[in-house]
Protein backbone atom coordinates (compact mmCIF):
# COMPACT_ATOMS: atom_id res chain seq x y z
CA MET A 1 0.00 0.00 0.00
CA PHE A 2 2.76 2.38 0.95
CA GLY A 3 4.78 1.50 -2.17
CA SER A 4 1.79 2.09 -4.40
CA SER A 5 1.10 5.46 -2.79
CA LEU A 6 4.74 6.51 -3.11
CA SER A 7 4.86 5.46 -6.78
CA SER A 8 1.73 7.44 -7.52
CA HIS A 9 3.14 10.47 -5.72
CA ILE A 10 6.41 10.36 -7.65
CA GLY A 11 4.56 9.76 -10.92
CA ARG A 12 2.32 12.77 -10.38
CA ARG A 13 5.34 14.93 -9.61
CA ALA A 14 7.04 13.78 -12.80
CA PHE A 15 3.89 14.40 -14.83
CA LEU A 16 3.58 17.96 -13.56
CA LYS A 17 7.31 18.70 -13.53
CA GLY A 18 7.01 21.30 -16.24
CA ALA A 19 4.06 22.90 -14.43
CA LEU A 20 5.29 23.28 -10.87
CA VAL A 21 6.79 26.21 -9.08
CA SER A 22 10.46 26.35 -8.21
CA SER A 23 12.32 28.69 -5.95
CA ALA A 24 13.92 30.20 -9.04
CA GLY A 25 10.73 31.22 -10.76
CA ILE A 26 7.76 30.34 -12.81
CA VAL A 27 5.83 28.55 -15.35
CA THR A 28 5.59 25.52 -17.56
CA ASN A 29 6.91 24.65 -20.96
CA TRP A 30 3.41 24.98 -22.45
CA GLY A 31 4.38 27.54 -25.03
CA GLY A 32 6.32 29.71 -22.56
CA ILE A 33 4.85 32.70 -20.78
CA SER A 34 7.15 35.55 -21.72
CA HIS A 35 8.77 35.19 -25.14
CA THR A 36 9.81 38.79 -25.46
CA ARG A 37 13.09 38.44 -27.26
CA LEU A 38 13.08 39.41 -30.89
CA ALA A 39 15.10 36.30 -31.76
CA ALA A 40 12.41 34.00 -30.41
CA GLU A 41 9.68 35.93 -32.16
CA GLU A 42 11.51 35.80 -35.48
CA ALA A 43 12.24 32.07 -35.13
CA MET A 44 8.60 31.32 -34.36
CA LYS A 45 7.54 32.98 -37.61
CA SER A 46 9.37 30.28 -39.55
CA GLY A 47 6.87 27.64 -38.45
CA LYS A 48 9.70 25.10 -38.27
CA LYS A 49 9.45 21.97 -36.11
CA CYS A 50 11.72 19.06 -35.20
CA ILE A 51 11.42 15.35 -34.43
CA LEU A 52 14.38 13.59 -32.85
CA LEU A 53 14.53 9.82 -33.24
CA TRP A 54 16.90 8.80 -30.46
CA MET A 55 18.71 5.45 -30.77
CA ASN A 56 19.36 4.80 -27.11
CA GLY A 57 22.68 3.06 -26.53
CA GLY A 58 24.18 4.01 -29.89
CA ALA A 59 23.46 2.34 -33.23
CA SER A 60 26.23 0.77 -35.32
CA GLN A 61 27.13 2.90 -38.32
CA ILE A 62 28.80 -0.02 -40.09
CA ASP A 63 25.62 -2.08 -39.83
CA THR A 64 23.27 0.68 -41.02
CA PHE A 65 24.48 3.60 -43.22
CA ASP A 66 28.28 3.20 -43.55
CA MET A 67 28.74 -0.42 -44.49
CA LYS A 68 32.13 -1.87 -45.36
CA PRO A 69 31.48 -4.92 -47.57
CA GLY A 70 34.43 -7.24 -47.97
CA ARG A 71 36.40 -5.68 -45.11
CA PRO A 72 37.23 -7.47 -41.83
CA THR A 73 35.03 -4.99 -39.95
CA ALA A 74 31.98 -5.61 -42.14
CA GLY A 75 29.95 -8.19 -40.25
CA PRO A 76 27.34 -10.46 -41.87
CA PHE A 77 24.82 -7.86 -43.11
CA ARG A 78 24.69 -7.16 -46.84
CA PRO A 79 24.46 -3.69 -48.39
CA ILE A 80 21.61 -2.95 -50.78
CA PRO A 81 21.27 -0.10 -53.30
CA SER A 82 19.06 2.81 -52.36
CA LYS A 83 16.89 5.06 -54.49
CA VAL A 84 19.94 7.31 -54.98
CA THR A 85 22.56 5.86 -57.29
CA GLY A 86 25.82 5.10 -55.49
CA ILE A 87 24.44 5.22 -51.93
CA GLN A 88 24.01 1.88 -50.17
CA LEU A 89 22.59 0.93 -46.79
CA CYS A 90 21.80 -2.17 -44.79
CA GLU A 91 19.56 -4.88 -46.23
CA TYR A 92 17.29 -4.56 -43.17
CA LEU A 93 16.41 -0.95 -44.03
CA PRO A 94 14.75 -1.46 -47.43
CA LYS A 95 11.93 1.04 -46.88
CA MET A 96 14.40 3.72 -45.83
CA GLY A 97 16.42 2.90 -48.92
CA GLN A 98 13.47 3.97 -51.03
CA LEU A 99 13.46 7.31 -49.19
CA MET A 100 17.19 7.99 -49.57
CA ASP A 101 16.45 11.00 -51.78
CA LYS A 102 15.09 12.67 -48.65
CA LEU A 103 18.03 11.75 -46.38
CA ALA A 104 21.31 13.52 -45.69
CA VAL A 105 23.66 10.93 -44.18
CA ILE A 106 26.55 12.33 -42.13
CA ARG A 107 29.20 9.59 -42.03
CA SER A 108 31.92 11.64 -40.37
CA MET A 109 30.81 12.32 -36.79
CA LYS A 110 33.88 12.72 -34.58
CA THR A 111 32.82 13.38 -31.01
CA GLN A 112 34.23 13.54 -27.48
CA SER A 113 32.07 11.66 -24.95
CA PRO A 114 32.35 7.87 -25.15
CA ASP A 115 30.04 6.63 -22.39
CA HIS A 116 26.29 6.69 -21.97
CA PRO A 117 25.47 9.42 -19.40
CA ASP A 118 28.02 11.88 -20.75
CA GLY A 119 27.34 10.95 -24.38
CA ILE A 120 23.58 11.32 -23.95
CA TYR A 121 24.08 14.75 -22.38
CA HIS A 122 26.63 15.83 -24.99
CA MET A 123 24.48 14.74 -27.94
CA HIS A 124 21.45 16.52 -26.50
CA THR A 125 23.16 19.79 -25.53
CA CYS A 126 26.39 19.85 -27.64
CA TYR A 127 28.35 20.49 -24.42
CA LYS A 128 30.22 18.15 -22.09
CA ILE A 129 28.45 16.99 -18.96
CA SER A 130 31.54 17.91 -16.93
CA GLU A 131 30.95 21.63 -17.43
CA ARG A 132 29.53 23.48 -14.46
CA THR A 133 26.92 25.26 -16.56
CA PRO A 134 23.67 23.28 -16.87
CA HIS A 135 23.14 23.50 -20.62
CA PRO A 136 19.65 22.97 -22.10
CA GLU A 137 18.73 20.05 -24.30
CA ILE A 138 17.89 20.67 -27.92
CA GLY A 139 14.19 20.20 -27.11
CA ALA A 140 14.27 22.98 -24.52
CA VAL A 141 16.03 25.32 -26.95
CA ILE A 142 13.43 24.63 -29.63
CA ALA A 143 10.64 25.07 -27.07
CA LYS A 144 12.03 28.50 -26.24
CA TYR A 145 12.59 29.74 -29.77
CA LEU A 146 9.81 27.96 -31.66
CA GLY A 147 7.16 27.44 -28.97
CA ASN A 148 3.72 28.91 -29.54
CA THR A 149 2.78 31.13 -26.60
CA SER A 150 -0.94 30.70 -27.26
CA SER A 151 -0.89 26.90 -27.42
CA ASP A 152 -2.47 24.75 -24.72
CA LEU A 153 -0.04 21.95 -25.66
CA PRO A 154 3.53 21.43 -24.45
CA SER A 155 6.36 22.73 -26.61
CA PHE A 156 8.78 19.90 -25.71
CA VAL A 157 7.40 16.33 -25.66
CA ARG A 158 9.33 13.09 -25.42
CA MET A 159 8.67 9.36 -25.21
CA GLY A 160 10.91 6.53 -24.05
CA SER A 161 14.51 6.78 -22.88
CA THR A 162 15.87 10.03 -24.23
CA GLY A 163 17.85 12.99 -22.83
CA ASN A 164 19.21 13.57 -19.33
CA GLY A 165 19.79 17.33 -19.25
CA GLY A 166 16.36 18.93 -19.24
CA ALA A 167 15.92 22.67 -19.66
CA GLY A 168 19.19 23.63 -17.95
CA TYR A 169 19.76 27.36 -17.60
CA LEU A 170 16.64 28.17 -19.68
CA GLY A 171 14.51 27.42 -16.64
CA PRO A 172 11.64 25.13 -15.63
CA GLN A 173 9.22 26.59 -18.17
CA TYR A 174 11.07 24.65 -20.88
CA GLU A 175 11.33 21.27 -19.14
CA PRO A 176 10.19 18.26 -21.20
CA PHE A 177 6.70 16.81 -20.94
CA SER A 178 7.11 13.04 -20.84
CA LEU A 179 4.67 10.47 -22.22
CA GLY A 180 4.79 6.69 -21.93
CA ARG A 181 6.90 4.73 -24.37
CA ASP A 182 3.79 4.08 -26.46
CA GLY A 183 2.74 7.74 -26.43
CA ARG A 184 0.10 7.44 -23.74
CA LEU A 185 -0.58 10.01 -21.05
CA PRO A 186 -0.10 8.70 -17.50
CA SER A 187 -3.16 6.99 -16.04
CA PHE A 188 -3.44 9.66 -13.33
CA SER A 189 -3.60 12.53 -15.84
CA GLY A 190 -7.39 12.41 -15.96
CA SER A 191 -9.80 13.54 -13.27
CA ASN A 192 -12.31 11.22 -11.60
CA LEU A 193 -14.61 14.18 -11.04
CA SER A 194 -17.39 15.33 -13.30
CA GLU A 195 -16.71 18.34 -15.51
CA GLU A 196 -19.00 20.48 -13.33
CA ALA A 197 -17.29 19.40 -10.10
CA GLU A 198 -13.86 19.98 -11.62
CA LYS A 199 -14.87 23.50 -12.67
CA LYS A 200 -16.16 24.28 -9.16
CA ARG A 201 -12.90 23.08 -7.64
CA ALA A 202 -10.88 25.18 -10.08
CA ASP A 203 -12.99 28.28 -9.43
CA LEU A 204 -12.62 27.84 -5.66
CA LEU A 205 -8.84 27.50 -5.99
CA ARG A 206 -8.70 30.63 -8.16
CA PHE A 207 -10.70 32.57 -5.57
CA ILE A 208 -8.39 31.48 -2.74
CA GLN A 209 -5.27 32.24 -4.78
CA ASN A 210 -6.53 35.69 -5.75
CA GLU A 211 -7.36 36.53 -2.15
CA PHE A 212 -3.96 35.26 -1.02
CA ALA A 213 -2.21 37.27 -3.73
CA GLU A 214 -3.63 40.51 -2.35
CA THR A 215 -1.25 40.34 0.60
CA HIS A 216 1.44 37.93 -0.70
CA LYS A 217 3.21 39.27 -3.78
CA ALA A 218 6.16 36.85 -3.88
CA GLU A 219 6.96 35.45 -7.32
CA PRO A 220 6.64 31.75 -6.37
CA PHE A 221 2.95 32.20 -5.49
CA GLU A 222 2.23 33.74 -8.88
CA SER A 223 4.29 30.97 -10.47
CA HIS A 224 2.11 28.33 -8.88
CA ARG A 225 -1.08 30.07 -10.03
CA LEU A 226 0.15 30.29 -13.62
CA ALA A 227 1.29 26.67 -13.53
CA LYS A 228 -2.15 25.50 -12.45
CA GLU A 229 -3.77 27.51 -15.22
CA ARG A 230 -1.49 25.86 -17.75
CA ALA A 231 -2.39 22.44 -16.35
CA TYR A 232 -6.09 23.23 -16.77
CA ARG A 233 -5.45 24.28 -20.34
CA LEU A 234 -3.61 21.05 -21.06
CA MET A 235 -6.53 19.00 -19.77
CA LYS A 236 -8.78 20.76 -22.28
CA ALA A 237 -6.40 19.85 -25.11
CA LYS A 238 -5.47 16.33 -24.04
CA GLN A 239 -7.63 14.71 -26.72
CA VAL A 240 -4.68 15.36 -29.03
CA PHE A 241 -2.85 12.58 -27.19
CA ASP A 242 -5.65 10.06 -27.82
CA ILE A 243 -4.75 8.06 -30.92
CA SER A 244 -6.96 5.05 -30.13
CA LYS A 245 -9.20 5.65 -33.17
CA ASP A 246 -6.38 6.33 -35.62
CA TRP A 247 -3.82 3.74 -34.53
CA PRO A 248 -5.62 0.60 -35.85
CA LEU A 249 -5.35 2.03 -39.37
CA ALA A 250 -1.76 3.23 -38.93
CA LYS A 251 -0.11 0.33 -37.12
CA GLU A 252 0.39 -1.79 -40.22
CA ARG A 253 2.49 0.96 -41.80
CA TYR A 254 4.35 2.07 -38.65
CA GLY A 255 4.65 -1.41 -37.13
CA ASP A 256 2.68 -2.55 -34.09
CA THR A 257 5.45 -1.63 -31.64
CA GLU A 258 6.02 0.97 -28.94
CA PHE A 259 8.47 2.80 -31.17
CA GLY A 260 6.07 2.67 -34.10
CA LYS A 261 3.29 4.08 -31.97
CA GLY A 262 5.66 6.76 -30.66
CA CYS A 263 6.54 7.84 -34.20
CA PHE A 264 2.86 8.00 -35.09
CA MET A 265 2.19 10.10 -31.98
CA ALA A 266 5.08 12.38 -32.98
CA ARG A 267 3.44 12.99 -36.35
CA LYS A 268 0.10 13.76 -34.67
CA LEU A 269 1.71 16.20 -32.24
CA ILE A 270 3.67 17.99 -34.98
CA GLU A 271 0.43 18.27 -36.93
CA ALA A 272 -1.23 19.76 -33.82
CA GLY A 273 1.50 22.41 -33.56
CA VAL A 274 4.00 21.00 -31.04
CA PRO A 275 7.44 22.23 -32.19
CA PHE A 276 9.64 19.47 -30.76
CA VAL A 277 9.01 15.77 -30.16
CA GLU A 278 11.60 13.14 -29.24
CA VAL A 279 11.00 9.40 -29.58
CA GLY A 280 13.48 6.92 -28.13
CA GLN A 281 14.17 3.41 -29.42
CA GLU A 282 15.81 1.10 -26.89
CA ASN A 283 18.54 -1.55 -26.81
CA TYR A 284 21.27 -0.46 -29.20
CA ASP A 285 24.04 -0.99 -26.62
CA SER A 286 25.20 -4.17 -28.32
CA HIS A 287 28.43 -5.15 -26.52
CA SER A 288 27.38 -8.71 -27.27
CA ASP A 289 25.25 -10.24 -30.03
CA ASN A 290 25.44 -7.01 -32.04
CA PHE A 291 23.97 -8.50 -35.19
CA VAL A 292 21.02 -10.15 -33.46
CA VAL A 293 20.30 -6.87 -31.67
CA HIS A 294 20.59 -4.69 -34.76
CA LYS A 295 18.55 -6.95 -37.00
CA ALA A 296 15.69 -6.89 -34.47
CA ASN A 297 15.94 -3.13 -34.01
CA MET A 298 16.08 -2.34 -37.71
CA ASN A 299 12.99 -4.43 -38.37
CA VAL A 300 11.18 -2.06 -35.99
CA LEU A 301 12.98 1.11 -37.13
CA ASP A 302 12.50 0.67 -40.88
CA SER A 303 8.70 0.66 -40.82
CA ALA A 304 8.29 3.39 -38.19
CA TRP A 305 10.83 5.86 -39.59
CA SER A 306 9.73 5.44 -43.21
CA ALA A 307 6.02 5.76 -42.37
CA LEU A 308 6.76 8.91 -40.37
CA LEU A 309 8.57 10.58 -43.28
CA ILE A 310 5.92 9.54 -45.81
CA ASP A 311 3.08 10.79 -43.60
CA LEU A 312 4.81 14.11 -42.99
CA GLU A 313 5.41 14.59 -46.71
CA GLU A 314 1.86 13.65 -47.72
CA ARG A 315 0.51 16.25 -45.28
CA GLY A 316 2.86 18.96 -46.49
CA LEU A 317 4.71 18.97 -43.16
CA LEU A 318 8.11 17.52 -44.08
CA LYS A 319 9.39 20.69 -45.73
CA ASP A 320 9.12 22.49 -42.38
CA THR A 321 9.82 19.53 -40.06
CA LEU A 322 13.41 18.44 -39.49
CA VAL A 323 13.72 14.74 -38.57
CA VAL A 324 17.00 13.83 -36.85
CA TRP A 325 18.21 10.24 -36.37
CA MET A 326 21.05 9.78 -33.89
CA GLY A 327 22.25 8.28 -30.61
CA GLU A 328 24.95 9.13 -28.12
CA VAL A 329 27.79 7.12 -29.73
CA GLY A 330 28.56 4.88 -32.66
CA ARG A 331 29.95 1.36 -32.36
CA THR A 332 33.42 -0.04 -32.92
CA PRO A 333 34.46 -1.25 -36.35
CA ASN A 334 36.16 -4.20 -34.69
CA ILE A 335 33.92 -7.04 -33.55
CA ASN A 336 34.73 -8.29 -30.04
CA ASN A 337 34.88 -11.90 -28.78
CA ARG A 338 31.16 -11.81 -27.87
CA ALA A 339 30.07 -10.98 -31.42
CA GLY A 340 29.50 -7.43 -30.19
CA ARG A 341 30.59 -3.91 -30.98
CA ASP A 342 31.58 -1.49 -28.19
CA HIS A 343 31.24 2.31 -27.93
CA TYR A 344 32.95 4.35 -30.63
CA ILE A 345 33.24 8.11 -31.17
CA ARG A 346 36.06 8.54 -33.70
CA ALA A 347 33.97 7.94 -36.83
CA TRP A 348 30.21 7.37 -36.82
CA THR A 349 26.91 8.35 -38.44
CA THR A 350 23.84 10.54 -37.98
CA VAL A 351 21.02 11.22 -40.47
CA LEU A 352 18.91 14.32 -41.19
CA ALA A 353 15.78 14.68 -43.31
CA GLY A 354 13.18 17.35 -44.06
CA GLY A 355 13.03 20.89 -42.72
CA GLY A 356 15.00 22.34 -45.63
CA ILE A 357 17.82 19.75 -45.60
CA LYS A 358 19.06 18.73 -49.06
CA GLY A 359 18.38 15.01 -49.30
CA GLY A 360 19.93 12.32 -51.45
CA GLN A 361 23.48 12.87 -50.29
CA VAL A 362 26.24 11.64 -48.03
CA TYR A 363 28.45 14.12 -46.20
CA GLY A 364 31.90 13.10 -45.04
CA SER A 365 33.48 9.68 -45.22
CA THR A 366 35.47 7.16 -43.23
CA ASP A 367 38.46 5.05 -44.21
CA ALA A 368 38.25 1.57 -45.70
CA ASP A 369 37.55 -0.14 -42.36
CA GLY A 370 35.54 2.66 -40.80
CA LYS A 371 38.11 3.35 -38.11
CA GLU A 372 38.84 7.03 -38.80
CA VAL A 373 37.17 9.97 -40.48
CA LYS A 374 38.67 10.36 -43.93
CA GLU A 375 37.13 13.73 -44.84
CA ASN A 376 34.93 16.45 -43.37
CA PRO A 377 34.85 15.62 -39.64
CA VAL A 378 31.70 16.84 -37.84
CA SER A 379 31.65 17.72 -34.13
CA GLU A 380 28.70 17.93 -31.76
CA GLY A 381 28.72 21.70 -32.18
CA ASP A 382 28.76 21.45 -35.98
CA LEU A 383 25.77 19.11 -35.95
CA PHE A 384 23.80 21.34 -33.61
CA SER A 385 24.72 24.45 -35.59
CA THR A 386 23.33 22.73 -38.69
CA ILE A 387 20.13 21.75 -36.89
CA TYR A 388 19.60 25.23 -35.44
CA LYS A 389 20.39 26.92 -38.76
CA THR A 390 17.84 24.72 -40.49
CA LEU A 391 15.20 25.68 -37.92
CA GLY A 392 15.93 29.40 -38.13
CA ILE A 393 17.56 29.60 -34.70
CA ASN A 394 20.78 31.52 -34.15
CA ALA A 395 23.26 28.83 -33.09
CA ARG A 396 25.41 31.45 -31.36
CA ALA A 397 22.57 33.04 -29.42
CA LYS A 398 23.87 34.32 -26.10
CA HIS A 399 22.23 33.76 -22.74
CA HIS A 400 23.35 34.52 -19.20
CA VAL A 401 23.72 32.26 -16.19
CA GLY A 402 23.90 34.86 -13.48
CA THR A 403 26.38 37.29 -14.98
CA ARG A 404 28.18 34.67 -17.05
CA PRO A 405 27.49 34.68 -20.82
CA VAL A 406 26.87 31.28 -22.44
CA TRP A 407 26.16 30.36 -26.05
CA LEU A 408 23.92 27.72 -27.60
CA THR A 409 26.88 26.08 -29.35
CA PRO A 410 30.61 26.06 -28.55
CA GLU A 411 32.91 28.59 -30.14
CA GLY A 412 34.14 27.45 -33.53
CA SER A 413 31.01 25.40 -34.31
CA LYS A 414 29.78 25.86 -37.85
CA PRO A 415 26.77 24.62 -39.82
CA ILE A 416 27.36 22.21 -42.70
CA ALA A 417 26.61 24.42 -45.69
CA GLU A 418 26.38 21.49 -48.14
CA LEU A 419 23.34 20.12 -46.33
CA LEU A 420 21.32 23.34 -46.23
């Protein structure tokens, strides 16, 4: 009984994390309360959005988009031709192969953080976890610059295992709103009261808060009031998260899996106006049985990813929606004695599509065995600069943590012009 109560309490706190007061200030990430900066206003005019498909654990580049047939590092998977002449990919991604004209494959990632917690943080913020400054995740940045202030919906939604940095110095109003792995709202997100009773309760709370505010002007009290109002607004809009009627028709195309359902939910949320959605796919950390793991994962990934891109394009959304495929690390070219591949950061792959990215191309290359970048190395900062540039966000926007200036991307980061 106690355990159940504690679990419910923690779950409710997590659910309302973006809507609760903190000692530092106010609000939720539901569109943001005070977007007054010209940069944010200008970015919002672009109407750009972003979906991040996060391969938790780190997918193998050599077994997906940078295959090395005939080399000792190749493994058993065969390359197949794609829709674009000269570009090959794994045999277990045939549907994505037919969409290669929409993909920009970056084969020359050269990054700095080799393990999971630091790699996850680094590939969500483009800064090292060891820095004292709490940098915001990409989703929080997009929520700030592209969030709709009039929306009842969150600006930063994620499903499954994803980032570990949160909103950082941007503040609690840009924290992520987390759904279940299958895109469902938590069971406790609904009220067991009638609509009339719920309205009476809300009106009574407003009356008490207004009376209290007459003599208590501290910012945290106002923060709590605004947070509750945002929560009420979300409840009015929560039908957007209900895909029960649509999913039976979509699951054959997306695949009847949690990741497939998450990708379908991402499309629905983008269509509803949410600017950033992240969907995590599990179990890429293949230190053993790499090929069993990757074959199973790609069978799930191929249907979900391809259906997402096709749906976005058919609805006219892909041109303004950037879809990013990446994880925290790549995997070693060498195969270990457990038929596995370990973490690797010296030469690996990410993929971009939509949002103004020029598809049908490969940027950068690795050597014959995939052990080193051969040309055009890309850092975390370069990747993020490219993403932000595509979305109309200034990658060198300056913020302040106290009196200390900080930038969205490290000094020297540059967007990849060939992809834009």
